[in-house]
């Protein structure tokens, strides 16, 4: 029982499907004055219910912490019965507060709802694979069900409406945390979890008390970027390979309050290591030992880089590798492959250049324990964000095992970066830059010459932006919208084939090509003039 007046906050701990909040005064007894003498003693408690109330909800935890509530669920300025029922449409709610402008007595506050929690989360314990391995994919198998009432049976849905999102974390030991206790000198001494758990907790730094609990960043990776997948669809594990321990965190969600997901199984792919260790480092070809051991380049400017790789073999049984895949910030051009000590040029068996990816195949020069040569990849690309990671992996062409990720490290004594990160200064940043026009005259007659107008451009330093490419006539009337997409940093090319919205060729004359980019940092627009002739 509580004497209520003012605001009362409730955090339900999770978003629950709520449609009714019920509160009431005690059925028996009489009022007693409290230490502040706010209520008259001797009155029947059942009649001391609040006569006015409002029920509000906050849209998120930050608003809740700030005491800001956005959604009015119920307002009653003339409550005439002991039991108050605030009813509203069923909706997912977590943060609620009830306002009592006048004094009253409440015995209980109850929350009611129907349906299922729309989002559920699973965090695994540490999974011990048994030995360091290369990770492949996680494949979730789950189904969606609908249950419209308490008495109805769950019905399997043929089209699975459940969304699935996964994060992973890999480690070298069996605990992702570091534990410590305080010493006589009030310093921290690292201990096992068992010893830390037995130590007393103390708000003060007392010898023998529990010290802070911190993430073990030396032996465990950070959580990977969340990835979405459908049932039965594999998700690549983005966490580092050559680790023995794995943690999985996944979320299942439904848009409908009466639909829920059931996880049947989760398959984790892994295979033996190709090498015992593999490290790589990136640098500019003409600056292998940069100041501060950090490679810096201008944003959007293409440069020639080196990517040095060194493998270690502790056993002759390791398979080795004969191919390397490198992720780059944008389009990439292969320059060369070098092997050996000293490095000499080697002709690869084949290469594959894709947007943001370079694959080099060299089965004729396979790296094995018996023939373990350092390797250098030379390539040309640009950096379009303030920092870019050149992540690589090795694999065996046609092999059944999983690729092995390359970790940053000292791969070449003549290169000092020991890193796969490249930085780009942000001074004078122009988000929309490096506009290149193939030809300002378009002759769309099908002869293969100037049939289209091409506009190439770079987006710098943006993770998400809305890009719109449109064609206008000289009177300002829109002729056609070519594209309207969300894009991140990188190099792009837009094309116009001389046709309007109705797919027919436009009349000869002058037109304006307008490229606009909307970002959090502002809006950017560029316009070019095009001549159409037949």
Protein backbone atom coordinates (compact mmCIF):
# COMPACT_ATOMS: atom_id res chain seq x y z
CA UNK A 1 0.00 0.00 0.00
CA UNK A 2 1.25 3.49 -0.82
CA UNK A 3 0.06 7.05 -0.45
CA UNK A 4 0.40 8.46 -3.96
CA UNK A 5 0.78 11.98 -5.25
CA UNK A 6 2.79 13.15 -8.27
CA UNK A 7 4.52 10.96 -10.86
CA UNK A 8 5.27 7.23 -10.62
CA UNK A 9 7.64 5.63 -13.12
CA UNK A 10 7.59 2.01 -14.29
CA UNK A 11 10.20 0.21 -16.40
CA UNK A 12 8.78 -3.19 -17.38
CA UNK A 13 12.24 -4.43 -18.42
CA UNK A 14 11.23 -5.29 -22.00
CA UNK A 15 8.66 -4.20 -24.56
CA UNK A 16 5.46 -6.07 -23.67
CA UNK A 17 2.09 -6.03 -25.48
CA UNK A 18 0.04 -3.94 -23.01
CA UNK A 19 -3.61 -2.84 -23.34
CA UNK A 20 -4.77 -2.27 -19.76
CA UNK A 21 -3.34 -0.83 -16.54
CA UNK A 22 -5.34 -1.46 -13.39
CA UNK A 23 -4.83 0.07 -9.96
CA UNK A 24 -7.03 0.25 -6.86
CA UNK A 25 -7.17 1.20 -3.21
CA UNK A 26 -7.27 -1.42 -0.41
CA UNK A 27 -10.65 -3.11 0.10
CA UNK A 28 -10.43 -2.94 3.91
CA UNK A 29 -8.93 -0.85 6.67
CA UNK A 30 -8.76 2.81 7.49
CA UNK A 31 -6.26 5.53 6.75
CA UNK A 32 -3.47 6.42 9.11
CA UNK A 33 -1.57 9.65 8.94
CA UNK A 34 2.01 9.44 7.66
CA UNK A 35 4.98 11.35 9.07
CA UNK A 36 4.14 14.33 6.86
CA UNK A 37 0.45 14.28 7.89
CA UNK A 38 -0.67 14.36 4.26
CA UNK A 39 -3.88 12.38 4.76
CA UNK A 40 -6.69 12.50 7.30
CA UNK A 41 -6.64 9.42 9.59
CA UNK A 42 -9.64 7.18 10.18
CA UNK A 43 -11.15 7.25 6.66
CA UNK A 44 -12.11 3.98 4.92
CA UNK A 45 -9.21 3.02 2.66
CA UNK A 46 -11.53 1.83 -0.09
CA UNK A 47 -12.76 5.40 -0.52
CA UNK A 48 -9.30 6.94 -0.52
CA UNK A 49 -8.61 6.09 -4.17
CA UNK A 50 -7.13 8.80 -6.46
CA UNK A 51 -9.87 10.83 -8.15
CA UNK A 52 -7.67 12.07 -10.99
CA UNK A 53 -4.96 10.34 -13.01
CA UNK A 54 -3.11 10.28 -16.33
CA UNK A 55 -1.20 7.35 -17.86
CA UNK A 56 1.69 8.12 -20.25
CA UNK A 57 4.36 6.12 -22.11
CA UNK A 58 7.86 6.99 -23.36
CA UNK A 59 9.07 5.85 -26.77
CA UNK A 60 12.55 4.82 -25.59
CA UNK A 61 14.87 4.51 -22.63
CA UNK A 62 16.62 7.86 -23.18
CA UNK A 63 13.33 9.75 -23.07
CA UNK A 64 12.39 7.75 -19.97
CA UNK A 65 15.63 8.73 -18.18
CA UNK A 66 14.98 12.39 -19.00
CA UNK A 67 11.43 12.17 -17.70
CA UNK A 68 9.99 12.92 -21.14
CA UNK A 69 6.87 10.99 -22.14
CA UNK A 70 5.29 11.20 -25.54
CA UNK A 71 2.14 9.08 -25.64
CA UNK A 72 -0.95 9.77 -23.53
CA UNK A 73 -2.64 6.39 -22.98
CA UNK A 74 -5.49 7.42 -20.65
CA UNK A 75 -6.75 10.53 -18.86
CA UNK A 76 -9.47 10.43 -16.19
CA UNK A 77 -10.42 13.64 -14.40
CA UNK A 78 -13.36 12.12 -12.51
CA UNK A 79 -12.61 8.63 -11.19
CA UNK A 80 -15.70 7.53 -9.21
CA UNK A 81 -14.92 3.91 -8.27
CA UNK A 82 -12.28 2.19 -6.16
CA UNK A 83 -10.84 0.25 -9.12
CA UNK A 84 -9.41 2.21 -12.03
CA UNK A 85 -9.04 0.52 -15.43
CA UNK A 86 -7.01 2.43 -18.00
CA UNK A 87 -7.75 0.75 -21.35
CA UNK A 88 -6.10 1.47 -24.71
CA UNK A 89 -5.24 -0.38 -27.94
CA UNK A 90 -2.72 -3.21 -27.51
CA UNK A 91 0.77 -1.94 -28.21
CA UNK A 92 4.37 -2.77 -27.22
CA UNK A 93 5.31 -0.70 -24.16
CA UNK A 94 8.20 -0.70 -21.71
CA UNK A 95 8.43 2.76 -20.12
CA UNK A 96 5.28 4.01 -18.37
CA UNK A 97 4.43 6.64 -15.81
CA UNK A 98 1.22 7.42 -13.97
CA UNK A 99 0.41 10.93 -12.78
CA UNK A 100 -1.76 11.47 -9.67
CA UNK A 101 -2.40 15.24 -9.33
CA UNK A 102 -4.28 14.72 -6.05
CA UNK A 103 -3.54 12.64 -2.98
CA UNK A 104 -4.82 9.05 -2.77
CA UNK A 105 -4.02 5.53 -1.56
CA UNK A 106 -3.06 2.68 -3.89
CA UNK A 107 -2.77 -1.01 -2.93
CA UNK A 108 -1.47 -2.37 -6.25
CA UNK A 109 -0.74 -1.43 -9.85
CA UNK A 110 -1.28 -4.23 -12.39
CA UNK A 111 -0.38 -4.41 -16.08
CA UNK A 112 -2.37 -6.53 -18.55
CA UNK A 113 -2.02 -7.36 -22.21
CA UNK A 114 -2.43 -9.97 -24.91
CA UNK A 115 -0.26 -11.39 -27.65
CA UNK A 116 3.45 -12.13 -27.72
CA UNK A 117 6.57 -10.13 -27.05
CA UNK A 118 7.57 -8.79 -30.47
CA UNK A 119 11.31 -9.09 -29.88
CA UNK A 120 13.24 -11.85 -28.12
CA UNK A 121 16.98 -12.09 -27.58
CA UNK A 122 19.30 -15.04 -26.93
CA UNK A 123 22.85 -14.70 -25.59
CA UNK A 124 24.82 -17.93 -25.57
CA UNK A 125 27.32 -19.05 -23.00
CA UNK A 126 30.93 -19.38 -24.12
CA UNK A 127 31.07 -22.22 -26.67
CA UNK A 128 34.30 -24.26 -26.59
CA UNK A 129 35.12 -25.63 -30.06
CA UNK A 130 38.00 -27.72 -28.64
CA UNK A 131 40.84 -26.11 -30.61
CA UNK A 132 41.49 -22.94 -32.62
CA UNK A 133 39.54 -23.10 -35.91
CA UNK A 134 38.44 -21.09 -38.92
CA UNK A 135 34.79 -20.05 -38.73
CA UNK A 136 32.42 -20.15 -41.65
CA UNK A 137 28.72 -19.42 -41.39
CA UNK A 138 25.94 -19.54 -38.84
CA UNK A 139 22.76 -21.02 -40.32
CA UNK A 140 19.55 -20.41 -38.33
CA UNK A 141 16.53 -22.69 -38.72
CA UNK A 142 13.37 -21.16 -37.29
CA UNK A 143 9.64 -20.99 -38.02
CA UNK A 144 6.91 -18.42 -37.59
CA UNK A 145 3.61 -19.21 -35.85
CA UNK A 146 0.37 -17.33 -35.26
CA UNK A 147 -1.85 -17.77 -32.20
CA UNK A 148 -4.81 -15.39 -32.09
CA UNK A 149 -6.26 -16.31 -28.70
CA UNK A 150 -5.45 -18.20 -25.51
CA UNK A 151 -7.71 -21.08 -26.50
CA UNK A 152 -6.56 -21.41 -30.13
CA UNK A 153 -3.78 -23.70 -31.32
CA UNK A 154 -0.57 -22.23 -32.81
CA UNK A 155 -0.63 -22.27 -36.61
CA UNK A 156 2.55 -22.70 -38.64
CA UNK A 157 2.90 -19.90 -41.21
CA UNK A 158 3.91 -20.91 -44.72
CA UNK A 159 5.59 -17.54 -45.30
CA UNK A 160 7.94 -16.93 -42.40
CA UNK A 161 7.39 -13.33 -41.13
CA UNK A 162 10.09 -13.48 -38.43
CA UNK A 163 13.18 -11.30 -38.80
CA UNK A 164 16.51 -12.60 -37.50
CA UNK A 165 19.66 -10.67 -36.57
CA UNK A 166 22.99 -12.14 -35.40
CA UNK A 167 26.19 -10.93 -33.72
CA UNK A 168 29.26 -13.02 -32.86
CA UNK A 169 32.36 -12.75 -30.68
CA UNK A 170 35.40 -15.04 -30.72
CA UNK A 171 38.17 -15.52 -28.14
CA UNK A 172 41.37 -17.33 -27.20
CA UNK A 173 40.35 -18.24 -23.63
CA UNK A 174 37.16 -19.26 -21.86
CA UNK A 175 36.17 -15.90 -20.40
CA UNK A 176 35.49 -12.66 -22.29
CA UNK A 177 36.00 -10.61 -19.11
CA UNK A 178 39.04 -9.69 -16.98
CA UNK A 179 38.55 -9.71 -13.20
CA UNK A 180 40.64 -8.08 -10.48
CA UNK A 181 40.76 -7.44 -6.73
CA UNK A 182 42.37 -4.54 -4.88
CA UNK A 183 45.77 -4.98 -3.21
CA UNK A 184 47.19 -3.41 -0.05
CA UNK A 185 48.62 -0.65 -2.25
CA UNK A 186 45.13 -0.09 -3.75
CA UNK A 187 46.26 -1.27 -7.15
CA UNK A 188 44.42 -3.93 -9.17
CA UNK A 189 45.58 -7.54 -9.33
CA UNK A 190 44.14 -9.76 -12.04
CA UNK A 191 42.48 -12.92 -10.71
CA UNK A 192 40.26 -15.73 -11.92
CA UNK A 193 36.50 -15.36 -11.89
CA UNK A 194 36.25 -17.87 -9.02
CA UNK A 195 38.56 -15.77 -6.80
CA UNK A 196 36.85 -12.52 -7.83
CA UNK A 197 33.40 -13.97 -7.12
CA UNK A 198 34.43 -14.94 -3.57
CA UNK A 199 35.85 -11.48 -2.81
CA UNK A 200 33.54 -9.04 -0.98
CA UNK A 201 31.96 -6.13 -2.82
CA UNK A 202 32.81 -2.73 -1.38
CA UNK A 203 32.01 0.78 -2.57
CA UNK A 204 35.44 1.84 -1.34
CA UNK A 205 38.83 0.68 -2.62
CA UNK A 206 39.59 -1.72 0.22
CA UNK A 207 42.32 -4.41 0.04
CA UNK A 208 40.82 -7.76 -0.96
CA UNK A 209 37.59 -6.27 -2.31
CA UNK A 210 36.30 -6.83 -5.83
CA UNK A 211 37.92 -4.63 -8.45
CA UNK A 212 36.34 -3.64 -11.77
CA UNK A 213 35.16 -6.17 -14.34
CA UNK A 214 36.40 -5.26 -17.84
CA UNK A 215 36.20 -6.75 -21.36
CA UNK A 216 39.26 -8.87 -22.22
CA UNK A 217 40.22 -6.96 -25.36
CA UNK A 218 43.57 -8.78 -25.62
CA UNK A 219 41.99 -12.22 -26.04
CA UNK A 220 38.44 -11.53 -27.23
CA UNK A 221 37.14 -9.63 -30.23
CA UNK A 222 34.45 -6.99 -29.98
CA UNK A 223 30.92 -7.97 -30.99
CA UNK A 224 30.56 -8.08 -34.76
CA UNK A 225 28.21 -5.84 -36.73
CA UNK A 226 24.63 -7.21 -36.57
CA UNK A 227 23.66 -9.15 -39.70
CA UNK A 228 20.19 -10.15 -40.86
CA UNK A 229 19.19 -13.46 -42.44
CA UNK A 230 16.16 -15.55 -43.35
CA UNK A 231 15.51 -19.05 -42.05
CA UNK A 232 18.00 -21.51 -43.56
CA UNK A 233 20.19 -18.71 -44.91
CA UNK A 234 23.82 -18.70 -43.85
CA UNK A 235 25.45 -15.66 -42.23
CA UNK A 236 29.21 -15.28 -42.47
CA UNK A 237 30.88 -15.07 -39.05
CA UNK A 238 32.71 -11.75 -39.20
CA UNK A 239 34.67 -12.29 -35.97
CA UNK A 240 38.38 -13.28 -36.22
CA UNK A 241 39.44 -16.85 -37.02
CA UNK A 242 42.14 -18.87 -35.24
CA UNK A 243 40.08 -18.77 -32.04
CA UNK A 244 38.80 -21.66 -29.91
CA UNK A 245 35.87 -19.95 -28.20
CA UNK A 246 32.67 -18.46 -29.59
CA UNK A 247 29.71 -16.45 -28.28
CA UNK A 248 26.48 -15.86 -30.20
CA UNK A 249 23.88 -13.15 -29.65
CA UNK A 250 20.76 -13.23 -31.82
CA UNK A 251 17.44 -11.43 -31.91
CA UNK A 252 14.13 -12.62 -33.38
CA UNK A 253 11.37 -10.10 -34.04
CA UNK A 254 7.83 -9.98 -35.42
CA UNK A 255 5.72 -7.07 -36.65
CA UNK A 256 2.49 -8.71 -35.44
CA UNK A 257 1.59 -9.03 -31.76
CA UNK A 258 -0.03 -12.45 -32.31
CA UNK A 259 2.86 -13.91 -34.30
CA UNK A 260 5.99 -15.40 -32.77
CA UNK A 261 9.13 -17.23 -33.86
CA UNK A 262 10.51 -20.54 -32.65
CA UNK A 263 14.19 -21.37 -33.08
CA UNK A 264 14.61 -25.04 -34.00
CA UNK A 265 18.38 -25.20 -34.43
CA UNK A 266 21.45 -23.10 -35.11
CA UNK A 267 24.29 -24.58 -37.18
CA UNK A 268 27.85 -23.23 -36.86
CA UNK A 269 30.32 -24.05 -39.65
CA UNK A 270 34.04 -24.31 -38.87
CA UNK A 271 37.10 -26.18 -40.12
CA UNK A 272 40.79 -26.73 -39.19
CA UNK A 273 43.29 -23.89 -39.56
CA UNK A 274 45.07 -23.53 -42.92
CA UNK A 275 48.15 -22.12 -41.16
CA UNK A 276 48.98 -21.76 -37.48
CA UNK A 277 49.04 -17.97 -37.75
CA UNK A 278 48.69 -15.38 -40.52
CA UNK A 279 49.37 -11.64 -40.19
CA UNK A 280 49.20 -8.75 -42.64
CA UNK A 281 49.88 -5.01 -42.81
CA UNK A 282 48.98 -2.31 -45.31
CA UNK A 283 51.04 0.71 -46.36
CA UNK A 284 51.53 3.10 -49.24
CA UNK A 285 53.99 1.76 -51.79
CA UNK A 286 56.09 4.93 -51.60
CA UNK A 287 55.79 5.31 -47.80
CA UNK A 288 56.33 1.94 -46.07
CA UNK A 289 57.34 3.57 -42.76
CA UNK A 290 54.95 6.49 -42.20
CA UNK A 291 55.22 8.93 -39.33
CA UNK A 292 53.45 7.57 -36.27
CA UNK A 293 53.26 4.16 -37.99
CA UNK A 294 49.86 5.18 -39.39
CA UNK A 295 49.11 5.25 -43.11
CA UNK A 296 47.29 8.43 -44.13
CA UNK A 297 45.91 9.35 -47.56
CA UNK A 298 43.69 12.14 -48.93
CA UNK A 299 40.00 11.25 -49.09
CA UNK A 300 38.88 9.98 -52.48
CA UNK A 301 42.35 10.04 -54.06
CA UNK A 302 43.47 6.75 -55.60
CA UNK A 303 46.92 5.58 -54.47
CA UNK A 304 49.04 2.44 -54.83
CA UNK A 305 49.13 0.33 -51.66
CA UNK A 306 51.04 -2.74 -50.53
CA UNK A 307 49.52 -5.53 -48.46
CA UNK A 308 52.23 -7.75 -46.93
CA UNK A 309 51.30 -11.20 -45.61
CA UNK A 310 53.35 -13.67 -43.55
CA UNK A 311 52.24 -17.14 -42.46
CA UNK A 312 53.59 -19.29 -39.63
CA UNK A 313 53.53 -23.09 -39.64
CA UNK A 314 54.09 -25.15 -36.53
CA UNK A 315 52.98 -28.37 -38.15
CA UNK A 316 53.53 -30.01 -41.54
CA UNK A 317 49.89 -31.12 -41.49
CA UNK A 318 48.49 -27.65 -42.13
CA UNK A 319 47.08 -27.33 -45.67
CA UNK A 320 48.52 -23.89 -46.50
CA UNK A 321 46.81 -21.65 -49.06
CA UNK A 322 46.85 -20.67 -52.73
CA UNK A 323 44.48 -17.68 -52.89
CA UNK A 324 43.95 -14.38 -51.10
CA UNK A 325 40.84 -12.20 -50.88
CA UNK A 326 41.20 -8.53 -49.89
CA UNK A 327 38.34 -6.17 -49.02
CA UNK A 328 38.88 -2.57 -50.15
CA UNK A 329 36.86 0.65 -49.61
CA UNK A 330 35.90 0.99 -53.28
CA UNK A 331 36.85 -0.12 -56.75
CA UNK A 332 40.29 -1.69 -56.90
CA UNK A 333 42.93 -2.28 -59.60
CA UNK A 334 45.44 -5.13 -59.33
CA UNK A 335 49.05 -3.97 -59.81
CA UNK A 336 51.18 -6.98 -58.96
CA UNK A 337 52.03 -9.99 -56.78
CA UNK A 338 55.41 -10.54 -55.15
CA UNK A 339 56.75 -13.49 -53.15
CA UNK A 340 59.94 -14.57 -51.42
CA UNK A 341 62.73 -13.02 -49.41
CA UNK A 342 63.75 -10.80 -51.07
CA UNK A 343 60.42 -10.18 -52.78
CA UNK A 344 60.29 -10.89 -56.51
CA UNK A 345 57.44 -10.46 -58.96
CA UNK A 346 55.25 -13.53 -59.50
CA UNK A 347 52.56 -13.95 -62.14
CA UNK A 348 49.29 -15.03 -60.49
CA UNK A 349 47.25 -17.78 -62.10
CA UNK A 350 44.26 -15.43 -62.24
CA UNK A 351 42.70 -12.43 -60.52
CA UNK A 352 39.19 -11.12 -59.94
CA UNK A 353 38.53 -7.41 -59.47
CA UNK A 354 35.17 -6.46 -58.02
CA UNK A 355 33.68 -3.38 -56.39
CA UNK A 356 35.35 -3.38 -53.00
CA UNK A 357 37.09 -6.74 -53.42
CA UNK A 358 40.26 -8.16 -55.01
CA UNK A 359 40.89 -11.91 -55.26
CA UNK A 360 44.28 -13.24 -56.34
CA UNK A 361 44.72 -16.96 -57.21
CA UNK A 362 48.20 -18.58 -57.22
CA UNK A 363 47.88 -22.42 -57.16
CA UNK A 364 51.17 -22.59 -59.09
CA UNK A 365 52.89 -20.94 -56.11
CA UNK A 366 51.00 -22.43 -53.18
CA UNK A 367 52.19 -21.44 -49.70
CA UNK A 368 52.93 -24.52 -47.55
CA UNK A 369 55.01 -25.43 -44.53
CA UNK A 370 57.72 -26.69 -46.89
CA UNK A 371 57.58 -23.58 -49.09
CA UNK A 372 56.57 -20.74 -46.79
CA UNK A 373 57.37 -17.51 -48.59
CA UNK A 374 56.36 -13.97 -47.58
CA UNK A 375 53.79 -12.46 -49.92
CA UNK A 376 53.07 -8.91 -51.06
CA UNK A 377 50.00 -7.72 -52.96
CA UNK A 378 50.17 -4.39 -54.82
CA UNK A 379 46.94 -2.65 -55.78
CA UNK A 380 45.41 0.76 -56.50
CA UNK A 381 42.34 2.10 -54.74
CA UNK A 382 40.93 5.12 -52.90
CA UNK A 383 39.70 5.69 -49.35
CA UNK A 384 36.28 7.30 -48.97
CA UNK A 385 35.85 7.46 -45.18
CA UNK A 386 37.93 8.79 -42.30
CA UNK A 387 39.30 5.34 -41.58
CA UNK A 388 39.20 2.18 -43.67
CA UNK A 389 40.08 -1.42 -42.83
CA UNK A 390 41.73 -3.55 -45.49
CA UNK A 391 40.54 -6.93 -44.26
CA UNK A 392 41.89 -10.04 -45.94
CA UNK A 393 41.57 -13.80 -45.82
CA UNK A 394 43.40 -16.78 -47.29
CA UNK A 395 41.83 -19.94 -48.71
CA UNK A 396 42.45 -23.00 -50.86
CA UNK A 397 41.03 -22.96 -54.37
CA UNK A 398 38.40 -25.69 -54.55
CA UNK A 399 39.02 -26.66 -50.92
CA UNK A 400 36.27 -27.75 -48.56
CA UNK A 401 37.60 -25.86 -45.54
CA UNK A 402 36.73 -22.35 -44.44
CA UNK A 403 38.89 -19.31 -45.31
CA UNK A 404 41.18 -18.00 -42.58
CA UNK A 405 41.10 -14.30 -41.73
CA UNK A 406 44.35 -12.32 -41.73
CA UNK A 407 45.08 -10.54 -38.44
CA UNK A 408 47.04 -7.27 -38.25
CA UNK A 409 50.69 -7.70 -37.34
CA UNK A 410 54.33 -7.45 -38.38
CA UNK A 411 54.38 -9.16 -41.78
CA UNK A 412 57.42 -7.32 -43.21
CA UNK A 413 60.36 -5.85 -41.26
CA UNK A 414 60.66 -3.03 -43.82
CA UNK A 415 57.05 -1.92 -43.21
CA UNK A 416 56.29 -0.28 -39.86
CA UNK A 417 52.49 0.00 -39.77
CA UNK A 418 51.69 -3.49 -38.32
CA UNK A 419 48.11 -2.53 -39.15
CA UNK A 420 45.38 -3.03 -41.76
CA UNK A 421 43.91 0.42 -41.10
CA UNK A 422 44.29 3.48 -43.34
CA UNK A 423 43.33 6.96 -42.12
CA UNK A 424 42.12 9.94 -44.12
CA UNK A 425 42.12 13.51 -42.70
CA UNK A 426 38.75 15.25 -42.66
CA UNK A 427 39.95 18.85 -43.10
CA UNK A 428 38.21 20.53 -46.02
CA UNK A 429 35.96 17.53 -46.58
CA UNK A 430 33.73 17.76 -49.67
CA UNK A 431 31.12 15.01 -49.35
CA UNK A 432 30.25 15.06 -53.05
CA UNK A 433 33.47 15.27 -55.05
CA UNK A 434 35.55 14.06 -58.01
CA UNK A 435 32.78 14.48 -60.60
CA UNK A 436 33.81 13.11 -63.98
CA UNK A 437 31.67 13.40 -67.13
CA UNK A 438 32.30 10.99 -69.99
CA UNK A 439 30.79 13.22 -72.69
CA UNK A 440 28.43 16.18 -72.50
CA UNK A 441 26.91 15.27 -75.89
CA UNK A 442 24.52 12.31 -76.10
CA UNK A 443 23.55 10.77 -79.44
CA UNK A 444 21.20 7.90 -78.53
CA UNK A 445 20.93 6.39 -82.01
CA UNK A 446 22.25 2.92 -81.15
CA UNK A 447 25.58 3.15 -82.97
CA UNK A 448 27.56 2.44 -79.78
CA UNK A 449 29.09 5.92 -79.62
CA UNK A 450 27.89 8.40 -76.97
CA UNK A 451 24.61 6.54 -76.61
CA UNK A 452 24.52 7.38 -72.89
CA UNK A 453 25.53 10.18 -70.58
CA UNK A 454 27.76 9.00 -67.72
CA UNK A 455 28.43 10.91 -64.51
CA UNK A 456 31.00 9.44 -62.08
CA UNK A 457 31.36 10.81 -58.56
CA UNK A 458 32.70 10.02 -55.09
CA UNK A 459 30.91 10.14 -51.74
CA UNK A 460 33.33 10.88 -48.90
CA UNK A 461 32.98 10.38 -45.17
CA UNK A 462 29.29 9.34 -45.06
CA UNK A 463 27.87 6.08 -43.73
CA UNK A 464 24.39 6.70 -45.14
CA UNK A 465 23.06 9.29 -47.56
CA UNK A 466 20.11 9.71 -49.91
CA UNK A 467 21.29 10.19 -53.50
CA UNK A 468 18.93 11.40 -56.25
CA UNK A 469 19.96 11.70 -59.92
CA UNK A 470 17.46 13.55 -62.15
CA UNK A 471 17.24 15.05 -65.64
CA UNK A 472 15.52 18.44 -66.24
CA UNK A 473 14.85 20.56 -69.29
CA UNK A 474 15.93 24.19 -69.41
CA UNK A 475 12.50 25.31 -68.16
CA UNK A 476 13.06 23.41 -64.95
CA UNK A 477 10.59 20.61 -65.72
CA UNK A 478 11.68 17.17 -64.58
CA UNK A 479 12.21 14.81 -67.51
CA UNK A 480 13.19 11.68 -65.60
CA UNK A 481 14.37 10.39 -62.22
CA UNK A 482 17.25 8.00 -62.92
CA UNK A 483 17.91 6.84 -59.36
CA UNK A 484 16.90 7.59 -55.77
CA UNK A 485 18.87 5.32 -53.45
CA UNK A 486 20.54 5.18 -50.06
CA UNK A 487 24.34 4.98 -50.43
CA UNK A 488 27.46 5.04 -48.28
CA UNK A 489 30.94 6.30 -49.10
CA UNK A 490 32.50 5.06 -52.34
CA UNK A 491 32.80 5.66 -56.07
CA UNK A 492 29.64 5.53 -58.20
CA UNK A 493 28.55 6.01 -61.83
CA UNK A 494 25.11 7.23 -63.00
CA UNK A 495 23.88 6.78 -66.59
CA UNK A 496 21.16 8.37 -68.73
CA UNK A 497 20.13 6.86 -72.05
CA UNK A 498 18.37 9.92 -73.44
CA UNK A 499 14.87 8.70 -72.57
CA UNK A 500 12.11 10.30 -70.51
CA UNK A 501 9.79 8.77 -67.93
CA UNK A 502 7.70 7.16 -70.67
CA UNK A 503 10.76 5.36 -72.13
CA UNK A 504 10.61 7.42 -75.31
CA UNK A 505 13.61 9.38 -76.55
CA UNK A 506 13.59 13.06 -75.60
CA UNK A 507 13.67 15.82 -78.19
CA UNK A 508 17.05 17.20 -79.28
CA UNK A 509 18.30 20.11 -77.21
CA UNK A 510 19.97 21.06 -73.93
CA UNK A 511 19.17 19.35 -70.63
CA UNK A 512 20.38 19.56 -67.04
CA UNK A 513 21.69 16.55 -65.08
CA UNK A 514 21.14 17.19 -61.37
CA UNK A 515 22.84 15.07 -58.68
CA UNK A 516 21.79 15.76 -55.08
CA UNK A 517 23.02 14.12 -51.88
CA UNK A 518 21.22 14.44 -48.55
CA UNK A 519 23.33 13.67 -45.43
CA UNK A 520 23.34 14.44 -41.71
CA UNK A 521 26.10 16.96 -42.44
CA UNK A 522 23.93 18.84 -44.97
CA UNK A 523 22.71 18.69 -48.55
CA UNK A 524 25.02 18.79 -51.58
CA UNK A 525 24.04 19.37 -55.22
CA UNK A 526 25.90 19.36 -58.53
CA UNK A 527 24.50 20.18 -61.98
CA UNK A 528 25.91 19.48 -65.45
CA UNK A 529 24.60 20.50 -68.88
CA UNK A 530 23.93 17.81 -71.52
CA UNK A 531 23.31 18.23 -75.23
CA UNK A 532 21.10 15.62 -76.94
CA UNK A 533 21.54 15.35 -80.72
CA UNK A 534 20.47 12.88 -83.44
